Amino acid sequence: MQNVSKFIENAKQSIKENEFVKLILSNKRDKKNDLKAVYLKTVLLKDQLKLNFVYKHNTKDITKNLELNEAFEELQKLLETHFFQALLLSTAADFNLILRKDKSSTLKKSKATTSKKPELKHNHEKNRLIKAKNNVYLEALKVVNASGNILPKKQKKFKQINKYIEVINDVLEPIYFENEMNIVDMGAGKGYLTFALYDYLKNTANKNPKITGIELRPDLVSKCNEIAKLSEFEDLKFIEGSIQSAEIQKLDVLIALHACDTATDDAIYRGIDANAEAIIVAPCCHKQIRKQLNPTNDLKQILQFGILKERQAELLTDSLRALILETHGYKTKVFEFISGEHTPKNVLIVATKTKKPKKDISIIKRQIENIKTTFGIEYHYLEKLISGDKKYFI
């Protein structure tokens, strides 16, 4: 088994010289054996270099991380008892070991097929816009622990926060703000997303944000202001108030996530009224339009089913919101915010101010009226807010 020893020495040397890429064991000796192949790579665990073994079975994979001495013992055992072939890839050369039933063997060295060294990390943190380590507000909000590790129950929340920042950044990036950007987050709640947005804009994007979180519950307002102070976020504040009545001095960007039913329209209206550069809302509940749905054509047969009526109300409510925004000089997009596995409320309406509307406003208004007529809708709450017809206010 001289070639086996040489092969293992080559693997050891490649690791020592930081040239190791990966090692593959294949061509199993026993065709009935469930173990098909084994893949090896280097990993760094608590600053200790180890070999990661992935045992590929027919219906499952098993992973082990072994210290180098133990790993090479395991490698030799697998070559002697389980596999006829091993391929070592390094940035210096490739080594192909062929074993045979008659105990003969061949070890071939060839030109390296890759020059890229793999990262020596295990379960490495993804390239997130918001980092978990040394994050004061995420620790205060109990998303991470004191060591910066994401708590198991907050994994989805952390993904949501990062996806949110990614989406908002894409919206704000093309907009020109002369000095500062005044952002209002309506219904800020516990402030997860509000803190993250300020953190990203201020500390990563090097912008000059002034963010105000609006929240009805005084205990949350007080708590969020404490965390903002602890985080040294000087231009982030939370004030008590409602979407309809909160006092706002300047508004460039309005955000309202999961404001229930017509509260989303209240938020959109305040953005339109302030001539905001961007309005970003994630609607929640669509009761106002659902109560009115009363088509006189064959659509009536579809809406006899409660779940379909609910979904149709959602589509109509948000479509009309997007069209109404377009009649006020906004370019609109409606898309999925976070996939359904993370949150059931996953539609985002994004409106950005445009100087040159692509569509004739009169045509859009006619389309709105046609949609309302088709589905027997008397009015959309956002229309009444804009017109100032107070008899419809809820």
Protein backbone atom coordinates (compact mmCIF):
# COMPACT_ATOMS: atom_id res chain seq x y z
CA MET A 1 0.00 0.00 0.00
CA GLN A 2 2.93 2.27 -0.72
CA ASN A 3 0.91 4.50 -3.03
CA VAL A 4 -1.73 4.98 -0.33
CA SER A 5 0.95 6.28 2.03
CA LYS A 6 2.34 8.58 -0.67
CA PHE A 7 -1.14 9.87 -1.44
CA ILE A 8 -1.80 10.65 2.23
CA GLU A 9 1.60 12.40 2.48
CA ASN A 10 0.64 14.51 -0.53
CA ALA A 11 -2.58 15.47 1.24
CA LYS A 12 -0.69 16.38 4.43
CA GLN A 13 1.83 18.45 2.48
CA SER A 14 -0.87 20.33 0.58
CA ILE A 15 -2.51 21.27 3.87
CA LYS A 16 0.80 22.32 5.37
CA GLU A 17 1.54 24.54 2.35
CA ASN A 18 -2.02 25.92 2.32
CA GLU A 19 -2.61 24.42 -1.12
CA PHE A 20 -5.34 21.89 -0.26
CA VAL A 21 -8.61 22.38 -2.16
CA LYS A 22 -10.58 19.16 -1.68
CA LEU A 23 -10.33 15.37 -1.65
CA ILE A 24 -12.85 12.90 -3.05
CA LEU A 25 -13.16 9.17 -2.32
CA SER A 26 -15.18 7.15 -4.84
CA ASN A 27 -15.64 3.81 -6.61
CA LYS A 28 -16.81 1.83 -3.59
CA ARG A 29 -15.39 -1.64 -3.04
CA ASP A 30 -18.67 -3.23 -1.94
CA LYS A 31 -21.40 -2.40 -4.46
CA LYS A 32 -24.06 -3.26 -1.88
CA ASN A 33 -22.71 -0.78 0.62
CA ASP A 34 -24.91 2.27 1.19
CA LEU A 35 -21.89 4.60 1.39
CA LYS A 36 -21.31 5.96 -2.14
CA ALA A 37 -18.56 8.56 -1.70
CA VAL A 38 -16.79 10.78 0.81
CA TYR A 39 -15.85 14.43 0.31
CA LEU A 40 -13.14 16.13 2.36
CA LYS A 41 -12.37 19.82 2.81
CA THR A 42 -10.50 21.94 5.35
CA VAL A 43 -12.45 23.98 7.89
CA LEU A 44 -11.49 26.38 10.64
CA LEU A 45 -13.27 25.74 13.92
CA LYS A 46 -12.43 28.01 16.86
CA ASP A 47 -9.14 28.85 15.13
CA GLN A 48 -8.25 25.16 14.80
CA LEU A 49 -7.76 23.62 11.37
CA LYS A 50 -9.70 20.39 10.84
CA LEU A 51 -10.82 18.16 8.00
CA ASN A 52 -14.51 18.06 7.25
CA PHE A 53 -15.78 14.65 6.06
CA VAL A 54 -19.11 14.41 4.25
CA TYR A 55 -20.21 10.78 3.93
CA LYS A 56 -22.60 10.50 0.97
CA HIS A 57 -25.19 7.74 1.43
CA ASN A 58 -28.11 6.86 -0.80
CA THR A 59 -30.66 8.66 1.33
CA LYS A 60 -28.63 10.86 3.68
CA ASP A 61 -25.36 12.68 4.24
CA ILE A 62 -23.35 12.46 7.44
CA THR A 63 -20.83 15.16 8.36
CA LYS A 64 -17.88 14.88 10.73
CA ASN A 65 -15.13 17.34 11.61
CA LEU A 66 -11.92 15.59 12.62
CA GLU A 67 -8.60 16.82 13.94
CA LEU A 68 -5.83 16.28 11.40
CA ASN A 69 -4.19 13.22 12.98
CA GLU A 70 -7.53 11.48 13.40
CA ALA A 71 -8.59 12.61 9.92
CA PHE A 72 -5.61 10.99 8.21
CA GLU A 73 -6.19 7.76 10.12
CA GLU A 74 -9.80 7.81 8.92
CA LEU A 75 -8.67 8.54 5.36
CA GLN A 76 -6.32 5.55 5.34
CA LYS A 77 -9.03 3.30 6.77
CA LEU A 78 -11.53 4.35 4.10
CA LEU A 79 -9.01 3.70 1.32
CA GLU A 80 -8.16 0.26 2.67
CA THR A 81 -11.71 -0.91 3.29
CA HIS A 82 -14.28 1.15 1.32
CA PHE A 83 -12.97 2.77 -1.86
CA PHE A 84 -10.82 2.03 -4.90
CA GLN A 85 -10.24 5.62 -5.99
CA ALA A 86 -9.18 8.93 -4.43
CA LEU A 87 -8.68 12.33 -6.04
CA LEU A 88 -6.75 15.10 -4.31
CA LEU A 89 -7.08 18.59 -5.73
CA SER A 90 -4.59 21.25 -4.69
CA THR A 91 -3.46 24.55 -6.13
CA ALA A 92 -0.04 22.98 -6.85
CA ALA A 93 -1.10 19.72 -8.53
CA ASP A 94 -3.79 17.04 -8.74
CA PHE A 95 -3.17 13.51 -7.45
CA ASN A 96 -5.25 10.55 -8.62
CA LEU A 97 -4.97 7.28 -6.70
CA ILE A 98 -6.31 4.07 -8.28
CA LEU A 99 -6.51 0.88 -6.19
CA ARG A 100 -7.32 -2.60 -7.51
CA LYS A 101 -8.63 -5.86 -6.15
CA ASP A 102 -5.31 -7.61 -6.84
CA LYS A 103 -3.63 -5.14 -4.39
CA SER A 104 -1.88 -3.24 -7.19
CA SER A 105 -2.23 0.53 -7.39
CA THR A 106 -1.38 3.62 -9.44
CA LEU A 107 -0.71 7.16 -8.26
CA LYS A 108 -0.73 9.84 -10.96
CA LYS A 109 0.27 13.45 -10.56
CA SER A 110 -1.08 16.00 -13.03
CA LYS A 111 -1.35 19.74 -13.53
CA ALA A 112 -3.61 21.53 -11.04
CA THR A 113 -7.14 22.04 -12.35
CA THR A 114 -7.82 24.92 -9.97
CA SER A 115 -5.81 27.80 -8.57
CA LYS A 116 -8.50 29.11 -6.22
CA LYS A 117 -8.05 28.35 -2.54
CA PRO A 118 -11.25 27.71 -0.57
CA GLU A 119 -12.10 29.87 2.45
CA LEU A 120 -11.10 28.26 5.72
CA LYS A 121 -14.43 28.90 7.39
CA HIS A 122 -17.18 26.68 8.70
CA ASN A 123 -20.79 27.78 8.84
CA HIS A 124 -19.45 31.20 7.93
CA GLU A 125 -21.72 34.17 8.23
CA LYS A 126 -23.34 35.09 4.94
CA ASN A 127 -22.61 38.42 3.35
CA ARG A 128 -25.33 40.23 5.25
CA LEU A 129 -25.84 43.97 5.11
CA ILE A 130 -26.52 43.92 8.84
CA LYS A 131 -23.94 42.08 10.94
CA ALA A 132 -24.76 40.11 14.06
CA LYS A 133 -21.42 40.56 15.81
CA ASN A 134 -20.96 43.54 18.17
CA ASN A 135 -24.47 44.73 17.40
CA VAL A 136 -25.88 46.68 20.35
CA TYR A 137 -29.48 47.01 19.19
CA LEU A 138 -29.84 43.41 18.02
CA GLU A 139 -28.62 42.24 21.40
CA ALA A 140 -31.00 44.63 23.21
CA LEU A 141 -33.86 43.36 21.03
CA LYS A 142 -32.86 39.76 21.84
CA VAL A 143 -32.07 38.80 18.25
CA VAL A 144 -28.48 37.90 19.14
CA ASN A 145 -26.76 36.96 22.38
CA ALA A 146 -23.80 38.71 24.01
CA SER A 147 -21.40 36.78 21.76
CA GLY A 148 -23.17 37.97 18.62
CA ASN A 149 -24.70 34.59 17.82
CA ILE A 150 -28.19 34.68 16.37
CA LEU A 151 -30.71 33.11 18.74
CA PRO A 152 -32.44 30.03 17.26
CA LYS A 153 -35.93 31.56 17.47
CA LYS A 154 -34.74 34.74 15.74
CA GLN A 155 -33.13 33.22 12.64
CA LYS A 156 -36.11 34.14 10.47
CA LYS A 157 -36.27 37.63 11.94
CA PHE A 158 -32.59 38.19 11.14
CA LYS A 159 -33.14 37.08 7.54
CA GLN A 160 -36.15 39.37 7.28
CA ILE A 161 -34.19 42.35 8.59
CA ASN A 162 -31.40 41.84 6.05
CA LYS A 163 -33.80 41.32 3.16
CA TYR A 164 -35.64 44.48 4.17
CA ILE A 165 -32.43 46.53 4.13
CA GLU A 166 -31.51 45.08 0.75
CA VAL A 167 -34.88 46.09 -0.72
CA ILE A 168 -34.93 49.58 0.83
CA ASN A 169 -31.37 50.24 -0.30
CA ASP A 170 -32.31 49.38 -3.89
CA VAL A 171 -35.18 51.88 -3.68
CA LEU A 172 -33.19 54.73 -2.13
CA GLU A 173 -29.91 54.34 -4.03
CA PRO A 174 -31.05 56.07 -7.27
CA ILE A 175 -32.75 58.97 -5.42
CA TYR A 176 -30.81 62.18 -4.97
CA PHE A 177 -31.02 63.71 -1.49
CA GLU A 178 -29.39 67.14 -1.33
CA ASN A 179 -28.26 66.95 2.29
CA GLU A 180 -30.05 64.61 4.65
CA MET A 181 -32.78 62.06 4.06
CA ASN A 182 -35.75 62.39 6.39
CA ILE A 183 -37.35 58.98 6.83
CA VAL A 184 -40.50 58.23 8.80
CA ASP A 185 -41.34 54.66 9.78
CA MET A 186 -45.07 54.48 10.54
CA GLY A 187 -45.99 51.82 13.08
CA ALA A 188 -42.40 51.06 14.03
CA GLY A 189 -43.33 48.49 16.70
CA LYS A 190 -40.26 47.13 18.47
CA GLY A 191 -38.04 48.88 15.95
CA TYR A 192 -36.20 45.88 14.48
CA LEU A 193 -36.26 47.27 10.96
CA THR A 194 -36.02 50.94 11.98
CA PHE A 195 -32.75 50.39 13.85
CA ALA A 196 -31.32 48.27 11.05
CA LEU A 197 -32.14 50.87 8.39
CA TYR A 198 -30.48 53.67 10.35
CA ASP A 199 -27.46 51.47 11.06
CA TYR A 200 -27.01 50.57 7.39
CA LEU A 201 -27.55 54.05 5.96
CA LYS A 202 -25.34 55.76 8.53
CA ASN A 203 -22.55 53.26 9.10
CA THR A 204 -22.35 51.29 5.86
CA ALA A 205 -23.77 53.47 3.08
CA ASN A 206 -22.28 56.66 4.64
CA LYS A 207 -25.52 58.60 4.14
CA ASN A 208 -26.99 61.26 6.40
CA PRO A 209 -30.31 59.76 7.58
CA LYS A 210 -32.68 61.31 10.09
CA ILE A 211 -35.21 58.64 10.99
CA THR A 212 -38.34 58.93 13.11
CA GLY A 213 -40.26 55.88 14.24
CA ILE A 214 -43.97 56.45 14.91
CA GLU A 215 -45.61 54.08 17.39
CA LEU A 216 -48.86 54.17 19.38
CA ARG A 217 -47.65 52.17 22.37
CA PRO A 218 -45.74 54.41 24.82
CA ASP A 219 -43.81 51.53 26.40
CA LEU A 220 -42.33 50.59 23.01
CA VAL A 221 -41.51 54.23 22.25
CA SER A 222 -39.64 54.56 25.55
CA LYS A 223 -37.80 51.26 25.08
CA CYS A 224 -36.74 52.06 21.51
CA ASN A 225 -35.44 55.49 22.50
CA GLU A 226 -33.37 53.85 25.23
CA ILE A 227 -31.86 51.41 22.72
CA ALA A 228 -31.19 54.24 20.23
CA LYS A 229 -29.28 56.11 22.93
CA LEU A 230 -27.41 52.95 23.92
CA SER A 231 -26.46 52.40 20.27
CA GLU A 232 -25.35 56.05 19.93
CA PHE A 233 -27.77 56.61 17.04
CA GLU A 234 -28.06 60.37 17.40
CA ASP A 235 -30.47 61.02 14.52
CA LEU A 236 -32.86 58.18 15.26
CA LYS A 237 -35.83 58.89 17.51
CA PHE A 238 -39.19 57.35 18.30
CA ILE A 239 -42.32 59.35 19.08
CA GLU A 240 -45.75 58.36 20.29
CA GLY A 241 -48.55 58.86 17.79
CA SER A 242 -50.81 57.39 15.13
CA ILE A 243 -50.31 57.20 11.40
CA GLN A 244 -53.13 59.70 10.92
CA SER A 245 -52.14 62.31 13.47
CA ALA A 246 -48.41 62.08 14.29
CA GLU A 247 -46.65 65.41 13.81
CA ILE A 248 -44.01 65.24 11.10
CA GLN A 249 -41.86 68.22 10.20
CA LYS A 250 -40.18 66.91 7.06
CA LEU A 251 -40.76 63.74 5.12
CA ASP A 252 -38.66 62.45 2.21
CA VAL A 253 -39.30 58.74 2.59
CA LEU A 254 -42.36 57.14 4.18
CA ILE A 255 -42.33 53.52 5.31
CA ALA A 256 -45.27 51.58 6.74
CA LEU A 257 -44.99 47.84 7.16
CA HIS A 258 -48.06 45.78 8.00
CA ALA A 259 -50.37 48.66 8.86
CA CYS A 260 -53.76 47.00 9.10
CA ASP A 261 -56.44 47.53 6.45
CA THR A 262 -57.04 51.25 5.76
CA ALA A 263 -54.11 52.30 7.99
CA THR A 264 -51.94 51.51 4.95
CA ASP A 265 -53.99 54.06 2.98
CA ASP A 266 -53.52 56.60 5.77
CA ALA A 267 -49.78 56.11 5.46
CA ILE A 268 -49.80 56.37 1.66
CA TYR A 269 -51.89 59.54 1.89
CA ARG A 270 -49.42 61.17 4.27
CA GLY A 271 -46.62 60.34 1.86
CA ILE A 272 -48.50 61.81 -1.10
CA ASP A 273 -49.50 64.89 0.92
CA ALA A 274 -45.84 65.49 1.88
CA ASN A 275 -44.72 64.97 -1.72
CA ALA A 276 -42.34 62.28 -0.46
CA GLU A 277 -39.62 61.02 -2.78
CA ALA A 278 -40.46 57.42 -1.90
CA ILE A 279 -43.40 55.61 -0.30
CA ILE A 280 -42.88 52.01 0.80
CA VAL A 281 -45.71 49.98 2.33
CA ALA A 282 -46.37 46.33 3.11
CA PRO A 283 -50.18 46.05 3.37
CA CYS A 284 -51.92 43.94 5.99
CA CYS A 285 -55.61 42.97 5.85
CA HIS A 286 -57.90 44.18 3.06
CA LYS A 287 -61.32 44.45 4.64
CA GLN A 288 -62.47 47.75 3.16
CA ILE A 289 -62.64 46.55 -0.43
CA ARG A 290 -63.73 43.02 0.46
CA LYS A 291 -66.95 44.32 2.04
CA GLN A 292 -67.83 46.12 -1.19
CA LEU A 293 -67.12 43.39 -3.73
CA ASN A 294 -70.33 42.85 -5.68
CA PRO A 295 -69.76 42.06 -9.37
CA THR A 296 -72.83 41.58 -11.54
CA ASN A 297 -71.11 39.44 -14.18
CA ASP A 298 -69.68 35.90 -14.09
CA LEU A 299 -67.03 37.01 -11.57
CA LYS A 300 -69.78 36.65 -9.00
CA GLN A 301 -69.39 32.86 -9.29
CA ILE A 302 -65.72 33.08 -8.33
CA LEU A 303 -66.35 35.29 -5.34
CA GLN A 304 -68.88 32.88 -3.82
CA PHE A 305 -65.86 31.10 -2.29
CA GLY A 306 -64.63 32.91 0.80
CA ILE A 307 -60.91 32.25 0.36
CA LEU A 308 -61.00 33.38 -3.28
CA LYS A 309 -62.97 36.49 -2.34
CA GLU A 310 -60.33 37.31 0.25
CA ARG A 311 -57.50 36.91 -2.25
CA GLN A 312 -59.33 38.90 -4.88
CA ALA A 313 -59.85 41.70 -2.37
CA GLU A 314 -56.11 41.76 -1.69
CA LEU A 315 -55.26 41.94 -5.40
CA LEU A 316 -57.79 44.68 -6.08
CA THR A 317 -56.94 46.77 -3.01
CA ASP A 318 -53.22 46.82 -3.72
CA SER A 319 -53.63 47.22 -7.49
CA LEU A 320 -55.85 50.27 -6.97
CA ARG A 321 -53.36 51.69 -4.46
CA ALA A 322 -50.59 51.38 -7.04
CA LEU A 323 -52.72 53.01 -9.75
CA ILE A 324 -53.84 55.86 -7.47
CA LEU A 325 -50.19 56.53 -6.62
CA GLU A 326 -49.43 56.72 -10.34
CA THR A 327 -52.09 59.43 -10.76
CA HIS A 328 -50.08 61.51 -8.28
CA GLY A 329 -46.78 61.35 -10.10
CA TYR A 330 -45.30 58.15 -8.70
CA LYS A 331 -43.75 55.20 -10.47
CA THR A 332 -44.98 52.08 -8.71
CA LYS A 333 -43.86 48.50 -8.24
CA VAL A 334 -45.62 45.68 -6.42
CA PHE A 335 -43.53 42.64 -5.56
CA GLU A 336 -42.80 39.97 -2.98
CA PHE A 337 -40.95 41.28 0.06
CA ILE A 338 -40.08 38.08 1.95
CA SER A 339 -41.02 34.57 0.85
CA GLY A 340 -44.01 33.08 2.61
CA GLU A 341 -41.91 30.78 4.78
CA HIS A 342 -40.64 33.82 6.71
CA THR A 343 -43.79 35.91 6.99
CA PRO A 344 -47.36 35.56 5.70
CA LYS A 345 -47.50 39.28 4.85
CA ASN A 346 -45.19 39.43 1.88
CA VAL A 347 -46.37 42.04 -0.65
CA LEU A 348 -44.49 45.32 -0.88
CA ILE A 349 -45.75 48.40 -2.73
CA VAL A 350 -42.95 50.78 -3.67
CA ALA A 351 -43.66 54.21 -5.15
CA THR A 352 -40.95 56.66 -6.22
CA LYS A 353 -41.56 60.22 -7.35
CA THR A 354 -41.08 60.80 -11.06
CA LYS A 355 -40.97 64.05 -13.02
CA LYS A 356 -42.15 62.50 -16.25
CA PRO A 357 -45.01 59.98 -15.83
CA LYS A 358 -44.94 57.30 -18.54
CA LYS A 359 -48.73 57.08 -18.66
CA ASP A 360 -51.43 59.65 -19.29
CA ILE A 361 -53.05 60.31 -15.89
CA SER A 362 -56.52 60.52 -17.47
CA ILE A 363 -56.08 56.99 -18.84
CA ILE A 364 -55.06 55.67 -15.42
CA LYS A 365 -58.08 57.31 -13.79
CA ARG A 366 -60.34 55.71 -16.38
CA GLN A 367 -58.76 52.33 -15.70
CA ILE A 368 -59.44 52.76 -11.97
CA GLU A 369 -63.09 53.51 -12.62
CA ASN A 370 -63.42 50.55 -14.98
CA ILE A 371 -61.96 48.18 -12.37
CA LYS A 372 -64.33 49.50 -9.70
CA THR A 373 -67.32 49.10 -12.01
CA THR A 374 -66.34 45.56 -12.98
CA PHE A 375 -66.18 44.43 -9.36
CA GLY A 376 -69.03 46.53 -8.00
CA ILE A 377 -66.72 48.67 -5.85
CA GLU A 378 -68.16 52.01 -4.75
CA TYR A 379 -64.94 53.61 -3.57
CA HIS A 380 -61.38 53.00 -2.41
CA TYR A 381 -60.58 54.53 0.97
CA LEU A 382 -57.38 56.14 -0.35
CA GLU A 383 -59.41 58.05 -2.94
CA LYS A 384 -61.59 59.54 -0.22
CA LEU A 385 -58.60 60.55 1.86
CA ILE A 386 -57.14 62.41 -1.09
CA SER A 387 -60.42 64.08 -2.00
CA GLY A 388 -61.05 65.07 1.62
CA ASP A 389 -64.53 63.50 1.64
CA LYS A 390 -64.72 63.00 5.41
CA LYS A 391 -68.01 61.09 5.43
CA TYR A 392 -66.08 58.00 4.32
CA PHE A 393 -63.36 58.26 6.94
CA ILE A 394 -63.14 55.30 9.30
